[in-house]
C-alpha atoms as a PDB file:
ATOM      1  CA  MET A   1      20.422  13.544 -34.538  1.00  0.00           C
ATOM      2  CA  ALA A   2      22.666  10.615 -35.338  1.00  0.00           C
ATOM      3  CA  ILE A   3      23.917   8.369 -32.564  1.00  0.00           C
ATOM      4  CA  ALA A   4      27.491   7.245 -32.858  1.00  0.00           C
ATOM      5  CA  GLU A   5      28.093   3.522 -32.682  1.00  0.00           C
ATOM      6  CA  ILE A   6      30.124   2.393 -29.704  1.00  0.00           C
ATOM      7  CA  THR A   7      33.435   1.045 -30.864  1.00  0.00           C
ATOM      8  CA  GLN A   8      35.017  -2.147 -29.572  1.00  0.00           C
ATOM      9  CA  SER A   9      37.362  -0.270 -27.225  1.00  0.00           C
ATOM     10  CA  GLU A  10      34.488   1.759 -25.689  1.00  0.00           C
ATOM     11  CA  ARG A  11      32.318  -1.227 -24.747  1.00  0.00           C
ATOM     12  CA  LEU A  12      31.988  -1.995 -21.081  1.00  0.00           C
ATOM     13  CA  PHE A  13      32.065  -5.770 -21.627  1.00  0.00           C
ATOM     14  CA  PRO A  14      34.662  -7.028 -24.102  1.00  0.00           C
ATOM     15  CA  PRO A  15      33.202  -9.832 -26.194  1.00  0.00           C
ATOM     16  CA  SER A  16      33.893 -13.310 -24.887  1.00  0.00           C
ATOM     17  CA  SER A  17      31.941 -16.522 -24.734  1.00  0.00           C
ATOM     18  CA  SER A  18      31.216 -16.126 -21.003  1.00  0.00           C
ATOM     19  CA  VAL A  19      29.993 -12.535 -21.420  1.00  0.00           C
ATOM     20  CA  SER A  20      27.870 -13.561 -24.395  1.00  0.00           C
ATOM     21  CA  GLU A  21      26.306 -16.332 -22.327  1.00  0.00           C
ATOM     22  CA  LEU A  22      25.666 -13.912 -19.471  1.00  0.00           C
ATOM     23  CA  LEU A  23      24.053 -11.350 -21.758  1.00  0.00           C
ATOM     24  CA  SER A  24      21.815 -13.995 -23.298  1.00  0.00           C
ATOM     25  CA  GLU A  25      20.584 -15.012 -19.833  1.00  0.00           C
ATOM     26  CA  LEU A  26      19.740 -11.494 -18.676  1.00  0.00           C
ATOM     27  CA  THR A  27      16.124 -10.384 -18.790  1.00  0.00           C
ATOM     28  CA  GLY A  28      14.355  -7.144 -17.974  1.00  0.00           C
ATOM     29  CA  ARG A  29      13.924  -8.339 -14.376  1.00  0.00           C
ATOM     30  CA  GLU A  30      16.447  -7.666 -11.669  1.00  0.00           C
ATOM     31  CA  ARG A  31      17.956 -10.927 -10.364  1.00  0.00           C
ATOM     32  CA  TYR A  32      20.186 -11.888  -7.513  1.00  0.00           C
ATOM     33  CA  SER A  33      23.516 -13.527  -8.250  1.00  0.00           C
ATOM     34  CA  SER A  34      23.129 -17.171  -9.225  1.00  0.00           C
ATOM     35  CA  ARG A  35      26.178 -17.854  -7.059  1.00  0.00           C
ATOM     36  CA  ALA A  36      24.074 -16.978  -4.024  1.00  0.00           C
ATOM     37  CA  GLY A  37      21.620 -19.687  -5.097  1.00  0.00           C
ATOM     38  CA  ALA A  38      18.572 -17.422  -5.147  1.00  0.00           C
ATOM     39  CA  THR A  39      16.650 -15.411  -7.650  1.00  0.00           C
ATOM     40  CA  LYS A  40      14.216 -12.647  -6.942  1.00  0.00           C
ATOM     41  CA  PRO A  41      10.662 -14.006  -7.184  1.00  0.00           C
ATOM     42  CA  GLU A  42       8.699 -12.968 -10.216  1.00  0.00           C
ATOM     43  CA  VAL A  43       5.962 -10.420  -9.513  1.00  0.00           C
ATOM     44  CA  VAL A  44       2.594 -11.926 -10.363  1.00  0.00           C
ATOM     45  CA  PRO A  45      -0.596  -9.889 -10.812  1.00  0.00           C
ATOM     46  CA  THR A  46      -3.123 -11.550  -8.507  1.00  0.00           C
ATOM     47  CA  VAL A  47      -6.826 -11.139  -7.834  1.00  0.00           C
ATOM     48  CA  VAL A  48      -8.192 -11.660  -4.316  1.00  0.00           C
ATOM     49  CA  THR A  49     -11.947 -12.147  -3.994  1.00  0.00           C
ATOM     50  CA  VAL A  50     -13.610 -10.995  -0.773  1.00  0.00           C
ATOM     51  CA  PRO A  51     -17.331 -11.513   0.004  1.00  0.00           C
ATOM     52  CA  SER A  52     -19.202  -8.628   1.654  1.00  0.00           C
ATOM     53  CA  ARG A  53     -22.904  -7.827   2.116  1.00  0.00           C
ATOM     54  CA  GLY A  54     -23.942 -10.575  -0.295  1.00  0.00           C
ATOM     55  CA  LYS A  55     -21.612  -9.283  -3.016  1.00  0.00           C
ATOM     56  CA  THR A  56     -18.158 -10.236  -4.195  1.00  0.00           C
ATOM     57  CA  VAL A  57     -15.383  -7.646  -4.342  1.00  0.00           C
ATOM     58  CA  GLN A  58     -12.183  -8.277  -6.256  1.00  0.00           C
ATOM     59  CA  PHE A  59      -8.887  -6.639  -5.358  1.00  0.00           C
ATOM     60  CA  ASN A  60      -5.961  -6.625  -7.780  1.00  0.00           C
ATOM     61  CA  TYR A  61      -2.488  -6.587  -6.316  1.00  0.00           C
ATOM     62  CA  LEU A  62       1.046  -7.531  -7.234  1.00  0.00           C
ATOM     63  CA  ASP A  63       2.186 -10.685  -5.461  1.00  0.00           C
ATOM     64  CA  HIS A  64       5.929 -10.496  -4.814  1.00  0.00           C
ATOM     65  CA  GLY A  65       6.127 -14.111  -3.680  1.00  0.00           C
ATOM     66  CA  GLU A  66       6.367 -13.212   0.003  1.00  0.00           C
ATOM     67  CA  PRO A  67       4.036 -14.283   2.822  1.00  0.00           C
ATOM     68  CA  GLU A  68       0.993 -12.045   3.200  1.00  0.00           C
ATOM     69  CA  PRO A  69       1.226  -9.467   5.996  1.00  0.00           C
ATOM     70  CA  SER A  70      -0.808 -10.183   9.137  1.00  0.00           C
ATOM     71  CA  TRP A  71      -3.031  -7.186   8.339  1.00  0.00           C
ATOM     72  CA  PHE A  72      -3.725  -8.217   4.715  1.00  0.00           C
ATOM     73  CA  ALA A  73      -6.997 -10.185   5.077  1.00  0.00           C
ATOM     74  CA  PRO A  74      -8.621  -7.891   7.704  1.00  0.00           C
ATOM     75  CA  VAL A  75      -7.770  -4.798   5.657  1.00  0.00           C
ATOM     76  CA  LEU A  76      -9.201  -6.245   2.435  1.00  0.00           C
ATOM     77  CA  HIS A  77     -12.357  -7.274   4.285  1.00  0.00           C
ATOM     78  CA  GLY A  78     -12.682  -3.727   5.683  1.00  0.00           C
ATOM     79  CA  PHE A  79     -12.309  -2.213   2.224  1.00  0.00           C
ATOM     80  CA  ALA A  80     -14.766  -4.718   0.744  1.00  0.00           C
ATOM     81  CA  ASN A  81     -17.287  -3.510   3.325  1.00  0.00           C
ATOM     82  CA  LEU A  82     -16.729   0.079   2.136  1.00  0.00           C
ATOM     83  CA  VAL A  83     -17.008  -0.776  -1.547  1.00  0.00           C
ATOM     84  CA  THR A  84     -20.373  -2.474  -1.010  1.00  0.00           C
ATOM     85  CA  LEU A  85     -21.972   0.475   0.795  1.00  0.00           C
ATOM     86  CA  SER A  86     -24.723   2.111  -1.213  1.00  0.00           C
ATOM     87  CA  ASP A  87     -25.842   5.731  -1.282  1.00  0.00           C
ATOM     88  CA  ASN A  88     -27.520   6.800   1.961  1.00  0.00           C
ATOM     89  CA  TRP A  89     -25.534   4.181   3.911  1.00  0.00           C
ATOM     90  CA  ASP A  90     -25.777   6.314   7.043  1.00  0.00           C
ATOM     91  CA  GLY A  91     -29.517   7.014   6.705  1.00  0.00           C
ATOM     92  CA  GLU A  92     -28.743  10.720   6.336  1.00  0.00           C
ATOM     93  CA  GLY A  93     -27.985  10.951   2.622  1.00  0.00           C
ATOM     94  CA  ALA A  94     -24.271  10.066   2.564  1.00  0.00           C
ATOM     95  CA  LYS A  95     -22.939   9.133  -0.875  1.00  0.00           C
ATOM     96  CA  ARG A  96     -21.004   5.976  -1.690  1.00  0.00           C
ATOM     97  CA  ILE A  97     -17.347   5.999  -0.641  1.00  0.00           C
ATOM     98  CA  ASP A  98     -15.146   7.598  -3.283  1.00  0.00           C
ATOM     99  CA  SER A  99     -13.149   4.965  -5.201  1.00  0.00           C
ATOM    100  CA  ALA A 100     -10.116   7.275  -5.541  1.00  0.00           C
ATOM    101  CA  ALA A 101     -10.041   7.719  -1.739  1.00  0.00           C
ATOM    102  CA  ILE A 102     -10.180   3.930  -1.351  1.00  0.00           C
ATOM    103  CA  ASN A 103      -7.264   3.476  -3.758  1.00  0.00           C
ATOM    104  CA  ARG A 104      -5.180   6.146  -1.984  1.00  0.00           C
ATOM    105  CA  ALA A 105      -5.857   4.514   1.387  1.00  0.00           C
ATOM    106  CA  LEU A 106      -4.914   1.055   0.110  1.00  0.00           C
ATOM    107  CA  ALA A 107      -1.667   2.425  -1.328  1.00  0.00           C
ATOM    108  CA  ALA A 108      -0.891   4.222   1.943  1.00  0.00           C
ATOM    109  CA  ILE A 109      -1.445   1.083   4.009  1.00  0.00           C
ATOM    110  CA  GLU A 110       0.890  -0.857   1.768  1.00  0.00           C
ATOM    111  CA  GLN A 111       3.512   1.903   2.082  1.00  0.00           C
ATOM    112  CA  LEU A 112       3.194   2.452   5.838  1.00  0.00           C
ATOM    113  CA  LEU A 113       2.617  -0.901   7.475  1.00  0.00           C
ATOM    114  CA  PRO A 114       5.272  -3.505   8.130  1.00  0.00           C
ATOM    115  CA  HIS A 115       4.231  -7.156   7.779  1.00  0.00           C
ATOM    116  CA  ASP A 116       3.544  -7.621  11.490  1.00  0.00           C
ATOM    117  CA  ALA A 117       1.635  -4.370  12.114  1.00  0.00           C
ATOM    118  CA  PRO A 118      -1.818  -4.554  13.656  1.00  0.00           C
ATOM    119  CA  ALA A 119      -4.617  -4.123  11.139  1.00  0.00           C
ATOM    120  CA  PRO A 120      -6.410  -0.797  11.265  1.00  0.00           C
ATOM    121  CA  SER A 121     -10.163  -0.417  11.396  1.00  0.00           C
ATOM    122  CA  ILE A 122     -11.550   0.824   8.080  1.00  0.00           C
ATOM    123  CA  VAL A 123     -14.358   3.322   8.666  1.00  0.00           C
ATOM    124  CA  PRO A 124     -16.563   5.243   6.203  1.00  0.00           C
ATOM    125  CA  VAL A 125     -17.116   8.976   6.686  1.00  0.00           C
ATOM    126  CA  PRO A 126     -20.210  10.838   5.454  1.00  0.00           C
ATOM    127  CA  ASN A 127     -18.305  13.065   2.982  1.00  0.00           C
ATOM    128  CA  SER A 128     -17.613   9.951   0.786  1.00  0.00           C
ATOM    129  CA  GLY A 129     -14.171   9.542   2.304  1.00  0.00           C
ATOM    130  CA  LEU A 130     -12.826   7.018   4.778  1.00  0.00           C
ATOM    131  CA  GLN A 131     -10.613   6.664   7.804  1.00  0.00           C
ATOM    132  CA  ILE A 132      -8.081   4.069   8.783  1.00  0.00           C
ATOM    133  CA  GLU A 133      -7.862   3.931  12.574  1.00  0.00           C
ATOM    134  CA  TRP A 134      -5.928   2.346  15.389  1.00  0.00           C
ATOM    135  CA  HIS A 135      -7.176   2.519  18.988  1.00  0.00           C
ATOM    136  CA  ARG A 136      -4.622   0.696  21.126  1.00  0.00           C
ATOM    137  CA  ASN A 137      -2.838   1.075  24.436  1.00  0.00           C
ATOM    138  CA  GLY A 138      -4.717   4.270  25.331  1.00  0.00           C
ATOM    139  CA  LYS A 139      -3.690   5.906  22.067  1.00  0.00           C
ATOM    140  CA  ASP A 140      -5.805   6.803  19.047  1.00  0.00           C
ATOM    141  CA  LEU A 141      -4.588   7.475  15.525  1.00  0.00           C
ATOM    142  CA  GLU A 142      -7.027   8.245  12.734  1.00  0.00           C
ATOM    143  CA  VAL A 143      -5.997   8.984   9.154  1.00  0.00           C
ATOM    144  CA  GLU A 144      -8.769  10.396   6.960  1.00  0.00           C
ATOM    145  CA  PHE A 145      -8.716  10.145   3.167  1.00  0.00           C
ATOM    146  CA  ASN A 146     -11.049  12.736   1.664  1.00  0.00           C
ATOM    147  CA  PRO A 147     -12.572  12.623  -1.837  1.00  0.00           C
ATOM    148  CA  ASN A 148     -10.827  15.915  -2.690  1.00  0.00           C
ATOM    149  CA  GLY A 149      -7.436  14.191  -2.278  1.00  0.00           C
ATOM    150  CA  SER A 150      -6.475  15.650   1.094  1.00  0.00           C
ATOM    151  CA  VAL A 151      -5.269  13.296   3.821  1.00  0.00           C
ATOM    152  CA  GLU A 152      -5.449  14.441   7.444  1.00  0.00           C
ATOM    153  CA  PHE A 153      -4.637  12.784  10.768  1.00  0.00           C
ATOM    154  CA  TYR A 154      -5.762  13.001  14.373  1.00  0.00           C
ATOM    155  CA  TYR A 155      -3.734  11.595  17.304  1.00  0.00           C
ATOM    156  CA  TYR A 156      -4.558  11.408  20.995  1.00  0.00           C
ATOM    157  CA  ASP A 157      -2.614   9.822  23.862  1.00  0.00           C
ATOM    158  CA  GLU A 158      -4.829   9.221  26.898  1.00  0.00           C
ATOM    159  CA  GLY A 159      -1.875   8.868  29.278  1.00  0.00           C
ATOM    160  CA  THR A 160      -0.098  12.104  28.417  1.00  0.00           C
ATOM    161  CA  GLU A 161      -3.122  13.948  26.978  1.00  0.00           C
ATOM    162  CA  GLU A 162      -0.986  14.737  23.944  1.00  0.00           C
ATOM    163  CA  GLU A 163      -3.173  15.653  21.002  1.00  0.00           C
ATOM    164  CA  SER A 164      -2.246  16.608  17.461  1.00  0.00           C
ATOM    165  CA  GLU A 165      -3.866  16.836  14.063  1.00  0.00           C
ATOM    166  CA  GLY A 166      -3.190  18.120  10.595  1.00  0.00           C
ATOM    167  CA  PRO A 167      -2.020  17.019   7.163  1.00  0.00           C
ATOM    168  CA  VAL A 168      -0.093  13.730   7.030  1.00  0.00           C
ATOM    169  CA  GLY A 169       2.811  15.398   5.205  1.00  0.00           C
ATOM    170  CA  ALA A 170       4.886  14.207   2.287  1.00  0.00           C
ATOM    171  CA  GLY A 171       5.360  10.443   2.447  1.00  0.00           C
ATOM    172  CA  PHE A 172       3.193  10.405   5.607  1.00  0.00           C
ATOM    173  CA  SER A 173       6.107  11.978   7.502  1.00  0.00           C
ATOM    174  CA  ASN A 174       3.815  13.483  10.155  1.00  0.00           C
ATOM    175  CA  VAL A 175       2.301  10.115  11.150  1.00  0.00           C
ATOM    176  CA  ARG A 176       5.151   7.589  10.911  1.00  0.00           C
ATOM    177  CA  ASP A 177       6.336   8.183  14.493  1.00  0.00           C
ATOM    178  CA  LEU A 178       2.756   8.223  15.762  1.00  0.00           C
ATOM    179  CA  LEU A 179       2.116   4.815  14.195  1.00  0.00           C
ATOM    180  CA  GLN A 180       5.011   3.373  16.191  1.00  0.00           C
ATOM    181  CA  ARG A 181       3.582   4.824  19.405  1.00  0.00           C
ATOM    182  CA  VAL A 182       0.150   3.284  18.836  1.00  0.00           C
ATOM    183  CA  TRP A 183       1.494  -0.201  18.075  1.00  0.00           C
END
């Protein structure tokens, strides 16, 4: 299938020296207006090294040039502790924590937590999955990432005795409000 060439009259930007200069300056990255005096920071692939149980664990992430969230270091340390668990870590035959479950949990934390959120506890579960948990202000929220890909939650409010559990829902819709209550 042939593609017709755009004629001069159909072009969005008529040729001029200022438009030519602008087009030559554009890159594949989105930028803020230079008139505002700021550009969007370049995303830099970064490796963070975390020691755990006599081993070194490396986490790859994309640094957007912003300050690290308050939960960043505690969360990485918690995940490093999971990664360094060996088979039979519970003394009852539990297998190592599933790497796909770890990756899903890391992605969820990044998606769910604002910069100033309290860090969750990172807890292994015997089925090779893991939980991220908050126990604050008489409220408990646990989100379990299973090796089969399912993600479930449990919530309990000591003051009202409200209790709920189930799948987290698309985009974690079933836990977003609960997170705000726990914090």
